[in-house]
Amino acid sequence: MRRPFFVPSGIALLSAALSFGLLVGTAMVIGQVAPRLVELLETSPRLAMLGFFGLVVAPGVVVTIVHHAAHRTLDTVEEAGRGRTAVLPRLESWWAGVNAWLIIGGASVLARLVLLVVTPPKLDPGSFVATLTSEANDVGALANVMSLYPVIWIVIAAQLFELERRTRRRPKGE
């Protein structure tokens, strides 16, 4: 029996869960590095912006390296040590990194928008920014809503990974 199109495969769910872990890890690194980069902005703005750029692209680079290392390991085991495996990542590893990076960004934006649908902020038209700030500072309400965030994020990311996986599937004749 075929799985419905909206039910992601196990590999898509695993990819989404691992990507969420990477997102959390990246957020922890950003929390440690960003204050130092903000201080560096005063003395060396170009170097600081290079650091911010590195923080933003880091998840894609990590996925590229992990994908390449996994393929290299599997190739070595499959060939029983014969021949050489590529030292630099192949195009498929770069695509895995770019795809994961795009999905991490897209799932993050979409999950936040879904949270705004689930619990819309109480807006005062006269002070839009102040209202959003007070909503963000309400720790109790934020904790309740943020407990949904990982679930929503993983569901969205799994759908995106599944979409990419199904579009790359080869026809049966090949």
Protein backbone atom coordinates (compact mmCIF):
# COMPACT_ATOMS: atom_id res chain seq x y z
CA MET A 1 0.00 0.00 0.00
CA ARG A 2 1.34 3.40 -0.98
CA ARG A 3 1.90 5.99 1.67
CA PRO A 4 -0.20 9.17 1.26
CA PHE A 5 1.73 12.11 -0.17
CA PHE A 6 1.49 14.09 3.07
CA VAL A 7 3.08 11.38 5.25
CA PRO A 8 6.87 11.78 5.25
CA SER A 9 9.19 8.78 5.18
CA GLY A 10 11.32 7.74 8.10
CA ILE A 11 14.43 9.14 6.46
CA ALA A 12 12.71 12.53 6.02
CA LEU A 13 11.70 12.54 9.69
CA LEU A 14 15.22 11.56 10.74
CA SER A 15 16.69 14.29 8.52
CA ALA A 16 14.29 16.82 10.06
CA ALA A 17 15.11 15.76 13.62
CA LEU A 18 18.87 15.89 12.96
CA SER A 19 18.47 19.28 11.27
CA PHE A 20 16.58 20.59 14.30
CA GLY A 21 19.43 19.37 16.49
CA LEU A 22 21.85 21.21 14.22
CA LEU A 23 19.68 24.34 14.49
CA VAL A 24 19.75 24.14 18.30
CA GLY A 25 23.50 23.57 18.28
CA THR A 26 24.01 26.51 15.93
CA ALA A 27 21.86 28.71 18.17
CA MET A 28 24.03 27.75 21.15
CA VAL A 29 27.20 28.64 19.23
CA ILE A 30 25.65 31.92 18.08
CA GLY A 31 24.75 32.72 21.69
CA GLN A 32 28.40 32.38 22.65
CA VAL A 33 30.02 34.00 19.62
CA ALA A 34 27.62 36.81 18.67
CA PRO A 35 28.36 39.07 21.69
CA ARG A 36 32.06 38.94 20.84
CA LEU A 37 31.30 39.75 17.22
CA VAL A 38 29.17 42.73 18.30
CA GLU A 39 32.13 44.02 20.33
CA LEU A 40 34.38 43.44 17.31
CA LEU A 41 32.07 45.60 15.16
CA GLU A 42 33.55 48.75 16.73
CA THR A 43 37.16 47.96 15.94
CA SER A 44 36.98 45.72 12.87
CA PRO A 45 33.56 45.75 11.18
CA ARG A 46 34.60 43.68 8.16
CA LEU A 47 35.99 40.90 10.31
CA ALA A 48 32.86 40.95 12.48
CA MET A 49 30.59 40.72 9.45
CA LEU A 50 32.70 37.86 8.12
CA GLY A 51 32.12 36.14 11.46
CA PHE A 52 28.35 36.69 11.20
CA PHE A 53 28.44 35.33 7.65
CA GLY A 54 30.28 32.25 8.91
CA LEU A 55 27.66 31.71 11.61
CA VAL A 56 24.85 31.89 9.08
CA VAL A 57 26.36 29.44 6.58
CA ALA A 58 27.78 27.07 9.21
CA PRO A 59 24.82 24.63 9.23
CA GLY A 60 25.15 24.04 5.48
CA VAL A 61 28.89 23.52 5.75
CA VAL A 62 28.43 21.08 8.64
CA VAL A 63 25.91 19.03 6.64
CA THR A 64 28.23 19.04 3.62
CA ILE A 65 31.15 17.75 5.69
CA VAL A 66 29.08 15.10 7.51
CA HIS A 67 27.49 13.92 4.23
CA HIS A 68 30.91 13.67 2.59
CA ALA A 69 32.44 11.85 5.57
CA ALA A 70 29.57 9.35 5.64
CA HIS A 71 29.87 8.66 1.91
CA ARG A 72 33.63 8.37 2.15
CA THR A 73 33.32 5.88 5.01
CA LEU A 74 30.70 3.84 3.16
CA ASP A 75 32.78 3.88 -0.04
CA THR A 76 35.84 2.67 1.89
CA VAL A 77 33.89 -0.17 3.51
CA GLU A 78 32.24 -1.14 0.23
CA GLU A 79 35.53 -1.21 -1.65
CA ALA A 80 37.24 -3.06 1.24
CA GLY A 81 40.05 -0.54 1.30
CA ARG A 82 40.76 -0.73 -2.46
CA GLY A 83 41.13 2.42 -4.45
CA ARG A 84 40.92 5.99 -3.28
CA THR A 85 37.93 7.92 -2.12
CA ALA A 86 37.54 11.62 -2.82
CA VAL A 87 39.11 13.95 -0.28
CA LEU A 88 37.00 16.96 -1.23
CA PRO A 89 33.20 16.81 -1.06
CA ARG A 90 31.46 15.81 -4.27
CA LEU A 91 28.61 17.77 -5.78
CA GLU A 92 26.00 15.60 -4.03
CA SER A 93 27.48 16.50 -0.63
CA TRP A 94 27.40 20.19 -1.50
CA TRP A 95 23.78 19.81 -2.58
CA ALA A 96 22.93 18.05 0.69
CA GLY A 97 24.44 20.98 2.60
CA VAL A 98 22.67 23.64 0.55
CA ASN A 99 19.38 21.75 0.70
CA ALA A 100 19.61 21.31 4.48
CA TRP A 101 20.56 24.98 4.90
CA LEU A 102 17.56 26.10 2.84
CA ILE A 103 15.21 23.74 4.68
CA ILE A 104 16.50 24.90 8.08
CA GLY A 105 15.86 28.52 7.12
CA GLY A 106 12.51 27.86 5.48
CA ALA A 107 11.21 25.63 8.26
CA SER A 108 12.26 28.23 10.85
CA VAL A 109 10.32 31.01 9.12
CA LEU A 110 7.27 28.83 8.45
CA ALA A 111 7.20 27.44 12.01
CA ARG A 112 7.19 30.99 13.44
CA LEU A 113 4.34 31.93 11.12
CA VAL A 114 2.37 28.83 12.16
CA LEU A 115 2.90 29.83 15.81
CA LEU A 116 1.45 33.26 15.01
CA VAL A 117 -1.60 31.53 13.55
CA VAL A 118 -1.94 29.24 16.59
CA THR A 119 -1.52 32.05 19.12
CA PRO A 120 -1.88 35.44 17.43
CA PRO A 121 -0.53 38.37 19.44
CA LYS A 122 -3.00 40.85 20.92
CA LEU A 123 -2.19 43.92 18.91
CA ASP A 124 -2.77 47.53 19.81
CA PRO A 125 -2.82 49.40 16.48
CA GLY A 126 -1.37 52.52 18.13
CA SER A 127 1.74 50.80 19.45
CA PHE A 128 2.45 47.77 17.29
CA VAL A 129 6.11 47.38 18.31
CA ALA A 130 5.40 47.84 22.03
CA THR A 131 2.69 45.19 21.86
CA LEU A 132 4.98 42.66 20.18
CA THR A 133 7.72 43.42 22.70
CA SER A 134 5.39 42.88 25.66
CA GLU A 135 4.15 39.61 24.11
CA ALA A 136 7.73 38.40 23.69
CA ASN A 137 8.54 39.27 27.31
CA ASP A 138 5.59 37.26 28.70
CA VAL A 139 7.74 34.27 29.67
CA GLY A 140 4.88 31.97 30.75
CA ALA A 141 2.94 32.36 27.53
CA LEU A 142 6.11 32.15 25.48
CA ALA A 143 7.14 28.89 27.16
CA ASN A 144 3.76 27.32 26.37
CA VAL A 145 3.91 28.37 22.73
CA MET A 146 7.59 27.49 22.31
CA SER A 147 6.94 23.94 23.47
CA LEU A 148 5.00 23.53 20.20
CA TYR A 149 7.80 24.99 18.13
CA PRO A 150 10.02 21.86 17.84
CA VAL A 151 7.05 19.72 16.82
CA ILE A 152 5.84 22.22 14.22
CA TRP A 153 9.39 22.77 12.96
CA ILE A 154 10.13 19.05 12.57
CA VAL A 155 6.81 18.40 10.79
CA ILE A 156 7.46 21.23 8.31
CA ALA A 157 11.09 20.24 7.75
CA ALA A 158 10.13 16.58 7.27
CA GLN A 159 7.62 17.61 4.60
CA LEU A 160 10.29 19.66 2.83
CA PHE A 161 12.86 16.85 3.02
CA GLU A 162 10.24 14.40 1.72
CA LEU A 163 9.38 16.74 -1.17
CA GLU A 164 13.05 16.91 -2.15
CA ARG A 165 13.45 13.14 -1.75
CA ARG A 166 10.43 12.32 -3.91
CA THR A 167 11.40 14.74 -6.67
CA ARG A 168 14.86 13.13 -6.91
CA ARG A 169 13.48 9.58 -7.03
CA ARG A 170 14.33 7.85 -10.29
CA PRO A 171 11.57 6.48 -12.52
CA LYS A 172 11.17 2.68 -12.39
CA GLY A 173 12.64 2.17 -15.86
CA GLU A 174 16.09 3.53 -14.92
